[in-house]
Amino acid sequence: MKEIRKKYYIKFGENLQVLLAKYGKDVMTVASLGKIEPKQVYRVLNGEHGASMGTIISIAKGLEISPKELFDFEFDLKKE
């Protein structure tokens, strides 16, 4: 189970990277607008750990998107 979680965290971070590029924002801007530390955003980007609901909401706020967009990526549990 730990291995699946780690793979999910990495995919989540990859999706966040895509969204940063799509919306033309950088980590510092997202952190500032979301009122969180840039280190938290970097940890999510790097797949270091799963983001808490508070962090997810803050990142979404910083990107000016719906939180559900952060979860809009393919992840096949059967395959992983």
C-alpha atoms as a PDB file:
ATOM      1  CA  MET A   1       0.000   0.000   0.000  1.00  0.00           C
ATOM      2  CA  LYS A   2       2.850   2.408   0.776  1.00  0.00           C
ATOM      3  CA  GLU A   3       4.211   1.975  -2.737  1.00  0.00           C
ATOM      4  CA  ILE A   4       0.850   2.819  -4.322  1.00  0.00           C
ATOM      5  CA  ARG A   5       0.555   5.957  -2.189  1.00  0.00           C
ATOM      6  CA  LYS A   6       4.031   7.102  -3.171  1.00  0.00           C
ATOM      7  CA  LYS A   7       3.209   6.622  -6.860  1.00  0.00           C
ATOM      8  CA  TYR A   8      -0.024   8.567  -6.364  1.00  0.00           C
ATOM      9  CA  TYR A   9       1.809  11.436  -4.649  1.00  0.00           C
ATOM     10  CA  ILE A  10       4.236  11.576  -7.566  1.00  0.00           C
ATOM     11  CA  LYS A  11       1.392  11.663 -10.124  1.00  0.00           C
ATOM     12  CA  PHE A  12      -0.358  14.364  -8.090  1.00  0.00           C
ATOM     13  CA  GLY A  13       2.842  16.419  -8.123  1.00  0.00           C
ATOM     14  CA  GLU A  14       3.236  15.920 -11.863  1.00  0.00           C
ATOM     15  CA  ASN A  15      -0.316  17.157 -12.379  1.00  0.00           C
ATOM     16  CA  LEU A  16       0.428  20.192 -10.217  1.00  0.00           C
ATOM     17  CA  GLN A  17       3.451  20.928 -12.420  1.00  0.00           C
ATOM     18  CA  VAL A  18       1.214  20.777 -15.512  1.00  0.00           C
ATOM     19  CA  LEU A  19      -1.294  23.138 -13.882  1.00  0.00           C
ATOM     20  CA  LEU A  20       1.425  25.615 -12.896  1.00  0.00           C
ATOM     21  CA  ALA A  21       2.519  25.772 -16.540  1.00  0.00           C
ATOM     22  CA  LYS A  22      -1.054  25.858 -17.855  1.00  0.00           C
ATOM     23  CA  TYR A  23      -1.990  28.837 -15.705  1.00  0.00           C
ATOM     24  CA  GLY A  24       1.379  30.568 -15.960  1.00  0.00           C
ATOM     25  CA  LYS A  25       2.062  30.606 -12.225  1.00  0.00           C
ATOM     26  CA  ASP A  26       5.139  29.790 -10.221  1.00  0.00           C
ATOM     27  CA  VAL A  27       5.457  28.236  -6.790  1.00  0.00           C
ATOM     28  CA  MET A  28       6.098  31.548  -5.049  1.00  0.00           C
ATOM     29  CA  THR A  29       2.952  33.118  -6.524  1.00  0.00           C
ATOM     30  CA  VAL A  30       0.778  30.111  -5.695  1.00  0.00           C
ATOM     31  CA  ALA A  31       2.125  30.000  -2.151  1.00  0.00           C
ATOM     32  CA  SER A  32       1.603  33.727  -1.667  1.00  0.00           C
ATOM     33  CA  LEU A  33      -1.957  33.735  -3.029  1.00  0.00           C
ATOM     34  CA  GLY A  34      -2.799  30.565  -1.112  1.00  0.00           C
ATOM     35  CA  LYS A  35      -1.188  31.900   2.065  1.00  0.00           C
ATOM     36  CA  ILE A  36       1.061  28.879   2.612  1.00  0.00           C
ATOM     37  CA  GLU A  37       4.794  28.357   2.717  1.00  0.00           C
ATOM     38  CA  PRO A  38       6.486  27.718  -0.649  1.00  0.00           C
ATOM     39  CA  LYS A  39       8.130  24.681   0.962  1.00  0.00           C
ATOM     40  CA  GLN A  40       4.693  23.037   1.232  1.00  0.00           C
ATOM     41  CA  VAL A  41       4.079  23.505  -2.481  1.00  0.00           C
ATOM     42  CA  TYR A  42       7.549  22.155  -3.346  1.00  0.00           C
ATOM     43  CA  ARG A  43       6.943  19.058  -1.207  1.00  0.00           C
ATOM     44  CA  VAL A  44       3.718  18.334  -3.084  1.00  0.00           C
ATOM     45  CA  LEU A  45       5.421  18.974  -6.435  1.00  0.00           C
ATOM     46  CA  ASN A  46       8.174  16.523  -5.544  1.00  0.00           C
ATOM     47  CA  GLY A  47       5.747  13.846  -4.366  1.00  0.00           C
ATOM     48  CA  GLU A  48       7.344  13.846  -0.914  1.00  0.00           C
ATOM     49  CA  HIS A  49       4.042  13.389   0.873  1.00  0.00           C
ATOM     50  CA  GLY A  50       0.318  13.590   0.399  1.00  0.00           C
ATOM     51  CA  ALA A  51      -1.129  17.060   0.685  1.00  0.00           C
ATOM     52  CA  SER A  52      -3.602  17.759   3.456  1.00  0.00           C
ATOM     53  CA  MET A  53      -7.015  19.103   2.540  1.00  0.00           C
ATOM     54  CA  GLY A  54      -5.925  22.531   3.792  1.00  0.00           C
ATOM     55  CA  THR A  55      -2.877  22.503   1.531  1.00  0.00           C
ATOM     56  CA  ILE A  56      -4.943  21.360  -1.443  1.00  0.00           C
ATOM     57  CA  ILE A  57      -7.410  24.185  -0.920  1.00  0.00           C
ATOM     58  CA  SER A  58      -4.581  26.708  -0.536  1.00  0.00           C
ATOM     59  CA  ILE A  59      -2.861  25.523  -3.717  1.00  0.00           C
ATOM     60  CA  ALA A  60      -6.164  25.648  -5.620  1.00  0.00           C
ATOM     61  CA  LYS A  61      -6.738  29.156  -4.320  1.00  0.00           C
ATOM     62  CA  GLY A  62      -3.228  30.136  -5.407  1.00  0.00           C
ATOM     63  CA  LEU A  63      -3.834  28.717  -8.879  1.00  0.00           C
ATOM     64  CA  GLU A  64      -7.314  30.267  -8.934  1.00  0.00           C
ATOM     65  CA  ILE A  65      -8.915  26.937  -9.838  1.00  0.00           C
ATOM     66  CA  SER A  66     -11.322  24.448  -8.318  1.00  0.00           C
ATOM     67  CA  PRO A  67      -9.620  21.899  -6.026  1.00  0.00           C
ATOM     68  CA  LYS A  68     -11.037  19.091  -8.171  1.00  0.00           C
ATOM     69  CA  GLU A  69      -8.734  20.146 -11.018  1.00  0.00           C
ATOM     70  CA  LEU A  70      -5.778  19.069  -8.892  1.00  0.00           C
ATOM     71  CA  PHE A  71      -7.161  15.524  -8.929  1.00  0.00           C
ATOM     72  CA  ASP A  72      -7.906  15.434 -12.667  1.00  0.00           C
ATOM     73  CA  PHE A  73      -5.278  12.951 -13.822  1.00  0.00           C
ATOM     74  CA  GLU A  74      -5.108   9.272 -14.705  1.00  0.00           C
ATOM     75  CA  PHE A  75      -4.116   6.782 -12.019  1.00  0.00           C
ATOM     76  CA  ASP A  76      -5.006   3.139 -12.490  1.00  0.00           C
ATOM     77  CA  LEU A  77      -5.140   1.428  -9.086  1.00  0.00           C
ATOM     78  CA  LYS A  78      -5.355  -1.996 -10.734  1.00  0.00           C
ATOM     79  CA  LYS A  79      -2.164  -1.376 -12.652  1.00  0.00           C
ATOM     80  CA  GLU A  80      -0.191   0.084  -9.754  1.00  0.00           C
END
